[in-house]
Protein backbone atom coordinates (compact mmCIF):
# COMPACT_ATOMS: atom_id res chain seq x y z
CA MET A 1 -62.56 -99.58 214.31
CA PRO A 2 -59.04 -99.38 212.74
CA SER A 3 -57.54 -101.20 215.76
CA ILE A 4 -59.84 -104.15 215.07
CA LEU A 5 -58.37 -104.48 211.57
CA VAL A 6 -54.75 -104.23 212.71
CA ARG A 7 -54.86 -107.36 214.86
CA PRO A 8 -55.71 -109.82 212.03
CA LEU A 9 -53.17 -108.11 209.78
CA GLY A 10 -50.56 -108.32 212.50
CA ARG A 11 -51.26 -112.01 212.99
CA ALA A 12 -50.98 -112.62 209.25
CA LEU A 13 -47.65 -110.81 209.08
CA LEU A 14 -46.44 -112.77 212.07
CA LEU A 15 -47.43 -116.05 210.42
CA VAL A 16 -45.69 -115.04 207.21
CA ALA A 17 -42.55 -114.12 209.13
CA PHE A 18 -42.67 -117.39 211.06
CA ALA A 19 -43.13 -119.36 207.85
CA GLY A 20 -40.19 -117.50 206.35
CA VAL A 21 -37.99 -118.40 209.29
CA VAL A 22 -39.05 -122.04 209.03
CA VAL A 23 -38.32 -122.16 205.29
CA LEU A 24 -34.97 -120.46 205.73
CA GLY A 25 -34.09 -122.83 208.56
CA TRP A 26 -35.09 -125.82 206.45
CA PHE A 27 -33.06 -124.53 203.51
CA ALA A 28 -30.03 -123.89 205.72
CA LEU A 29 -30.19 -127.47 207.03
CA GLN A 30 -30.34 -128.79 203.46
CA VAL A 31 -27.37 -126.67 202.41
CA ALA A 32 -25.23 -127.63 205.42
CA PRO A 33 -26.53 -130.69 207.32
CA ILE A 34 -25.58 -130.86 210.98
CA PHE A 35 -23.58 -134.05 210.44
CA SER A 36 -22.34 -133.10 207.00
CA GLY A 37 -20.10 -135.62 205.26
CA HIS A 38 -20.22 -138.26 208.00
CA GLY A 39 -22.42 -140.70 206.07
CA LYS A 40 -21.58 -143.75 203.98
CA VAL A 41 -19.47 -143.08 200.89
CA VAL A 42 -21.44 -143.82 197.71
CA THR A 43 -20.87 -143.56 193.98
CA VAL A 44 -23.09 -141.39 191.79
CA ILE A 45 -22.93 -141.84 188.01
CA VAL A 46 -23.54 -138.85 185.74
CA HIS A 47 -24.52 -139.90 182.23
CA PRO A 48 -23.80 -137.88 179.09
CA GLY A 49 -26.49 -135.23 178.62
CA ASP A 50 -27.85 -135.43 182.20
CA SER A 51 -29.52 -132.21 183.31
CA LEU A 52 -28.79 -130.66 186.70
CA SER A 53 -32.29 -131.74 187.72
CA ALA A 54 -31.49 -135.36 186.82
CA ILE A 55 -28.17 -135.15 188.68
CA ALA A 56 -29.94 -133.73 191.76
CA SER A 57 -32.38 -136.63 191.61
CA GLU A 58 -29.49 -139.13 191.48
CA LEU A 59 -27.80 -137.41 194.41
CA HIS A 60 -31.03 -137.63 196.39
CA THR A 61 -31.57 -141.30 195.54
CA ALA A 62 -28.03 -142.08 196.71
CA GLY A 63 -28.62 -140.20 199.97
CA VAL A 64 -25.99 -137.54 199.26
CA ILE A 65 -28.55 -134.74 199.54
CA ALA A 66 -31.96 -134.66 201.23
CA SER A 67 -33.75 -132.32 198.84
CA PRO A 68 -33.30 -132.08 195.05
CA LEU A 69 -35.41 -128.90 195.10
CA ALA A 70 -33.14 -127.18 197.62
CA PHE A 71 -30.06 -128.19 195.65
CA ARG A 72 -31.51 -126.79 192.42
CA LEU A 73 -32.31 -123.52 194.22
CA TYR A 74 -28.78 -123.42 195.65
CA THR A 75 -27.26 -123.82 192.18
CA LEU A 76 -29.52 -121.33 190.38
CA VAL A 77 -26.55 -119.00 190.18
CA GLY A 78 -23.17 -120.38 189.16
CA ALA A 79 -24.24 -123.98 188.61
CA PRO A 80 -21.20 -126.21 187.94
CA VAL A 81 -20.57 -127.76 184.55
CA VAL A 82 -20.69 -131.45 185.37
CA ARG A 83 -18.79 -133.91 183.23
CA ALA A 84 -20.11 -137.40 182.60
CA GLY A 85 -18.51 -140.00 184.82
CA SER A 86 -18.54 -141.42 188.34
CA TYR A 87 -18.27 -139.36 191.50
CA GLN A 88 -17.71 -140.65 195.02
CA LEU A 89 -19.38 -138.60 197.76
CA ALA A 90 -20.44 -139.12 201.35
CA GLN A 91 -24.14 -139.31 202.18
CA GLY A 92 -25.39 -136.16 203.88
CA SER A 93 -22.76 -133.92 202.28
CA SER A 94 -23.06 -130.13 202.30
CA PHE A 95 -24.16 -128.48 199.07
CA SER A 96 -20.85 -126.61 198.83
CA HIS A 97 -18.91 -129.88 199.00
CA VAL A 98 -21.18 -131.54 196.43
CA GLU A 99 -20.81 -128.55 194.12
CA ALA A 100 -17.02 -128.61 194.46
CA VAL A 101 -16.82 -132.34 193.70
CA LEU A 102 -19.10 -132.06 190.66
CA ALA A 103 -17.17 -129.05 189.33
CA ALA A 104 -13.98 -131.16 189.23
CA PRO A 105 -13.33 -134.12 186.91
CA PRO A 106 -14.89 -137.47 187.93
CA ASN A 107 -12.99 -138.72 190.98
CA VAL A 108 -13.54 -142.46 190.53
CA VAL A 109 -13.85 -144.96 187.71
CA VAL A 110 -16.46 -147.73 187.76
CA ALA A 111 -15.32 -150.89 186.02
CA ASN A 112 -18.08 -153.21 184.85
CA VAL A 113 -17.70 -156.96 184.52
CA THR A 114 -20.83 -157.92 182.63
CA PRO A 115 -21.73 -161.60 182.17
CA GLY A 116 -20.57 -162.55 178.70
CA LEU A 117 -17.49 -160.29 178.71
CA THR A 118 -14.12 -161.90 178.16
CA LEU A 119 -11.08 -161.10 180.29
CA HIS A 120 -9.58 -159.38 177.26
CA GLU A 121 -12.65 -157.16 176.90
CA VAL A 122 -12.50 -156.22 180.58
CA THR A 123 -8.83 -155.29 180.13
CA VAL A 124 -9.58 -153.19 177.03
CA ASN A 125 -12.30 -151.31 178.91
CA LEU A 126 -9.84 -150.62 181.72
CA ALA A 127 -7.34 -149.29 179.17
CA ASN A 128 -9.96 -146.81 178.00
CA ASP A 129 -10.67 -145.67 181.57
CA MET A 130 -7.29 -145.99 183.27
CA GLY A 131 -4.75 -146.00 180.47
CA PRO A 132 -2.68 -148.78 178.87
CA THR A 133 -0.01 -148.96 181.58
CA TRP A 134 -2.59 -149.53 184.32
CA SER A 135 -4.54 -152.06 182.24
CA ASN A 136 -1.37 -153.98 181.33
CA SER A 137 -0.58 -154.27 185.03
CA PHE A 138 -4.12 -155.53 185.60
CA ALA A 139 -3.71 -158.11 182.83
CA ARG A 140 -0.58 -159.43 184.58
CA ALA A 141 -2.37 -159.44 187.95
CA ALA A 142 -5.44 -161.20 186.55
CA THR A 143 -3.65 -164.51 186.16
CA ASN A 144 -3.86 -167.50 188.45
CA ASP A 145 -0.13 -167.46 189.16
CA VAL A 146 -0.39 -163.91 190.55
CA THR A 147 -3.94 -163.74 191.94
CA ARG A 148 -4.85 -167.20 193.08
CA SER A 149 -8.38 -168.50 192.74
CA PRO A 150 -9.65 -171.64 194.49
CA TYR A 151 -11.25 -172.45 191.13
CA GLY A 152 -8.04 -171.76 189.23
CA HIS A 153 -6.79 -174.27 186.69
CA GLY A 154 -3.67 -173.39 184.80
CA ARG A 155 -2.77 -169.73 184.33
CA SER A 156 -5.93 -168.16 182.97
CA LEU A 157 -8.55 -166.51 185.19
CA GLU A 158 -10.97 -166.31 182.27
CA GLY A 159 -14.49 -166.85 183.64
CA LEU A 160 -13.32 -166.58 187.25
CA LEU A 161 -13.97 -162.86 187.75
CA GLY A 162 -17.19 -161.95 189.52
CA ALA A 163 -19.77 -160.02 187.52
CA GLY A 164 -20.66 -156.57 188.85
CA GLN A 165 -19.43 -153.00 189.27
CA TYR A 166 -16.07 -152.19 190.81
CA VAL A 167 -15.20 -148.69 192.00
CA ILE A 168 -11.62 -147.70 191.22
CA THR A 169 -10.39 -144.86 193.41
CA PRO A 170 -7.09 -143.01 192.91
CA GLY A 171 -5.49 -145.37 195.44
CA THR A 172 -6.72 -148.62 193.86
CA THR A 173 -3.95 -150.79 192.42
CA PRO A 174 -4.44 -153.23 189.52
CA GLU A 175 -3.52 -156.06 191.89
CA ALA A 176 -6.17 -155.01 194.40
CA LEU A 177 -8.81 -154.85 191.68
CA ALA A 178 -7.95 -158.32 190.41
CA ARG A 179 -8.18 -159.66 193.96
CA ARG A 180 -11.60 -158.08 194.47
CA MET A 181 -12.88 -159.57 191.22
CA VAL A 182 -11.67 -163.06 192.07
CA ASP A 183 -13.08 -162.88 195.60
CA SER A 184 -16.40 -161.67 194.19
CA PHE A 185 -16.63 -164.73 191.94
CA VAL A 186 -15.99 -167.03 194.90
CA ARG A 187 -18.92 -165.41 196.75
CA GLU A 188 -21.19 -165.60 193.68
CA ALA A 189 -20.39 -169.25 193.10
CA ALA A 190 -21.04 -170.10 196.77
CA SER A 191 -24.39 -168.30 196.62
CA VAL A 192 -25.68 -170.85 194.09
CA GLY A 193 -24.04 -173.86 195.70
CA LEU A 194 -20.86 -174.15 193.62
CA ARG A 195 -17.69 -174.75 195.61
CA PRO A 196 -14.16 -175.71 194.57
CA THR A 197 -14.84 -179.32 195.57
CA THR A 198 -18.14 -179.59 193.68
CA SER A 199 -18.45 -182.43 191.16
CA LEU A 200 -21.43 -183.06 188.88
CA HIS A 201 -21.94 -185.42 185.93
CA GLY A 202 -18.26 -186.28 186.13
CA LEU A 203 -17.21 -182.65 185.80
CA SER A 204 -15.04 -180.75 188.27
CA ALA A 205 -16.01 -177.33 189.60
CA TYR A 206 -13.74 -175.67 187.05
CA GLN A 207 -15.29 -177.67 184.20
CA LEU A 208 -18.75 -176.68 185.43
CA VAL A 209 -17.68 -173.02 185.16
CA ILE A 210 -16.52 -173.74 181.59
CA ALA A 211 -19.93 -175.24 180.83
CA ALA A 212 -21.66 -172.24 182.42
CA SER A 213 -19.65 -169.83 180.24
CA ILE A 214 -20.81 -171.66 177.12
CA VAL A 215 -24.38 -171.56 178.44
CA GLU A 216 -23.95 -167.79 179.01
CA LYS A 217 -23.05 -167.22 175.37
CA GLU A 218 -25.26 -169.79 173.70
CA GLY A 219 -28.37 -169.32 175.84
CA TYR A 220 -28.02 -165.55 176.11
CA TYR A 221 -31.42 -165.11 177.78
CA PRO A 222 -32.16 -166.68 181.19
CA LYS A 223 -35.19 -168.54 179.82
CA ASN A 224 -32.95 -170.54 177.47
CA MET A 225 -30.04 -171.31 179.78
CA PRO A 226 -31.27 -174.36 181.76
CA LYS A 227 -32.05 -176.36 178.60
CA VAL A 228 -28.79 -175.29 176.96
CA GLY A 229 -27.07 -176.68 180.06
CA ARG A 230 -28.84 -179.97 179.55
CA VAL A 231 -27.83 -180.06 175.86
CA ILE A 232 -24.19 -179.69 176.89
CA PHE A 233 -24.44 -182.54 179.39
CA ASN A 234 -26.23 -184.75 176.86
CA ARG A 235 -23.63 -184.10 174.16
CA LEU A 236 -20.78 -184.76 176.58
CA ALA A 237 -22.45 -188.02 177.64
CA ARG A 238 -22.89 -188.99 173.99
CA GLY A 239 -19.18 -188.54 173.46
CA GLY A 240 -19.39 -186.42 170.33
CA PRO A 241 -18.25 -182.82 169.83
CA LEU A 242 -20.21 -180.02 171.48
CA GLN A 243 -20.37 -178.05 168.20
CA MET A 244 -20.92 -174.67 169.84
CA ASP A 245 -20.35 -171.58 167.69
CA ALA A 246 -19.57 -169.40 170.70
CA THR A 247 -16.36 -171.34 171.44
CA VAL A 248 -15.02 -170.80 167.92
CA LEU A 249 -15.94 -167.11 168.06
CA TYR A 250 -14.11 -166.80 171.38
CA TYR A 251 -10.90 -168.03 169.77
CA LEU A 252 -11.41 -165.55 166.93
CA GLY A 253 -11.95 -162.72 169.41
CA GLN A 254 -15.47 -162.08 168.15
CA ASP A 255 -18.58 -161.38 170.20
CA GLY A 256 -21.35 -162.98 168.14
CA GLY A 257 -21.58 -163.26 164.40
CA THR A 258 -21.62 -166.06 161.87
CA VAL A 259 -19.17 -168.93 161.94
CA THR A 260 -17.92 -169.67 158.43
CA PRO A 261 -16.89 -173.06 157.02
CA ALA A 262 -13.29 -171.82 157.07
CA ASP A 263 -13.64 -171.00 160.77
CA LEU A 264 -14.79 -174.54 161.48
CA ARG A 265 -11.52 -175.91 160.07
CA ILE A 266 -9.30 -173.91 162.44
CA GLN A 267 -7.11 -176.20 164.53
CA THR A 268 -7.68 -174.99 168.09
CA PRO A 269 -9.01 -176.74 171.21
CA TYR A 270 -11.65 -173.99 171.29
CA ASN A 271 -13.07 -175.38 168.04
CA THR A 272 -15.70 -177.68 169.52
CA TYR A 273 -16.62 -178.87 166.04
CA LEU A 274 -13.23 -180.57 165.69
CA TYR A 275 -12.29 -181.34 169.28
CA PRO A 276 -14.57 -183.32 171.64
CA GLY A 277 -15.32 -182.24 175.17
CA LEU A 278 -15.18 -178.85 176.82
CA THR A 279 -12.84 -176.00 175.95
CA PRO A 280 -9.59 -175.64 177.95
CA THR A 281 -10.91 -172.56 179.79
CA PRO A 282 -14.19 -170.71 180.23
CA ILE A 283 -14.98 -168.36 177.34
CA CYS A 284 -16.45 -165.42 179.30
CA ALA A 285 -17.58 -164.12 182.67
CA VAL A 286 -20.61 -165.99 183.94
CA SER A 287 -23.76 -164.95 185.75
CA THR A 288 -25.25 -166.77 188.70
CA ILE A 289 -28.15 -167.57 186.32
CA ALA A 290 -25.81 -169.50 184.02
CA LEU A 291 -24.16 -171.25 186.97
CA ASN A 292 -27.58 -172.22 188.29
CA ALA A 293 -28.58 -173.48 184.83
CA VAL A 294 -25.62 -175.87 184.86
CA LEU A 295 -26.02 -176.96 188.47
CA HIS A 296 -29.76 -177.52 188.06
CA ALA A 297 -30.23 -178.37 184.38
CA PRO A 298 -33.69 -179.92 183.88
CA PRO A 299 -33.90 -183.53 182.74
CA GLY A 300 -34.58 -183.93 179.04
CA PRO A 301 -33.34 -185.62 175.84
CA TRP A 302 -32.39 -182.44 173.97
CA LEU A 303 -29.30 -182.48 171.77
CA TYR A 304 -29.99 -179.46 169.55
CA PHE A 305 -31.31 -175.92 169.78
CA THR A 306 -31.74 -172.91 167.54
CA LEU A 307 -33.08 -169.38 167.76
CA VAL A 308 -36.68 -169.27 166.47
CA ASN A 309 -38.00 -165.89 167.56
CA GLN A 310 -36.78 -162.30 167.52
CA ASP A 311 -37.47 -162.09 171.26
CA GLY A 312 -34.59 -164.51 171.88
CA THR A 313 -36.63 -167.70 172.26
CA GLU A 314 -34.73 -170.86 171.37
CA ALA A 315 -36.37 -174.14 170.36
CA PHE A 316 -34.90 -177.44 171.56
CA ALA A 317 -34.93 -180.80 169.80
CA SER A 318 -33.88 -184.34 170.62
CA THR A 319 -33.37 -185.46 167.01
CA PHE A 320 -31.72 -183.85 164.00
CA THR A 321 -34.99 -184.11 162.09
CA GLU A 322 -36.70 -182.00 164.75
CA GLN A 323 -33.80 -179.57 164.60
CA LEU A 324 -34.26 -179.15 160.85
CA VAL A 325 -37.96 -178.35 161.40
CA ASN A 326 -37.01 -175.69 163.93
CA GLU A 327 -34.40 -174.24 161.58
CA ARG A 328 -37.00 -173.95 158.79
CA LEU A 329 -39.32 -172.21 161.24
CA ALA A 330 -36.56 -169.74 162.09
CA GLN A 331 -35.86 -169.09 158.39
CA SER A 332 -39.57 -168.47 157.72
CA ARG A 333 -39.41 -165.76 160.40
CA GLY A 334 -36.34 -164.16 158.88
CA ILE A 335 -33.92 -165.52 161.48
CA GLY A 336 -30.62 -167.09 160.72
């Protein structure tokens, strides 16, 4: 009778032992993958206040580790204190390598060129991340006489840097970063059909980028941009001043805000209330959405627009009387 009971118990113990071996084998493969560190190099961003669980999830999403659970178990004892920042790691890295990288200071910087940012703002951000000497070198490199752009006109590369994220490794030079940003813009422009030889409504490719930068600032939301593009073309065709607040604010070094009567008297070619036509340069980095809005502006008689809703909706008008009605609507909603 006892021998009959031993067999099932023995099988159960054998199954438990087998399961244990399988789990340990699985865990060992997570800790040290067979082809550890031979994958694509990716960048993982740790945000201020991220928990180790959140970091493990980011590592998994980026393909650095296969199992967030296994990584959390591995770091139960002696988990590294991870500083906020950007870390470059290879996909399929061993846990020990990941832990060593995260225990050290961030090993890369990610520079962001967001549509709407000016070249000066990009340079200031780089100064915060890389220091003033590095950013000053970038400012010198980010000129058309140093880093040539097929869209270049004059010295400034304002508006001719591609929007996106740029990883700066310890070996990245300011000149190399400027080159990457200019090349990125060329690819972005080509993706929406803009080339250095493009001409539309009597405007050169460079002038179309200028128009797109004004659309970027004045339209703000994608839903507004195509009609803002048409307003610009209609005002240029009319021959009068563009009267765009964003161009005056650019000269003043301000991102948004109210333009005062004194501001409107400033003698600068960026004051489109005093000077007809486009500004001498773009006023910010542009998105492909803004470029598309200029290249494919819908037909329409609009000459005016104003913000009429807190959700960013702008109303467009073909006469000043209609514009006044829209402005009263905005005021009744507490806007403006």
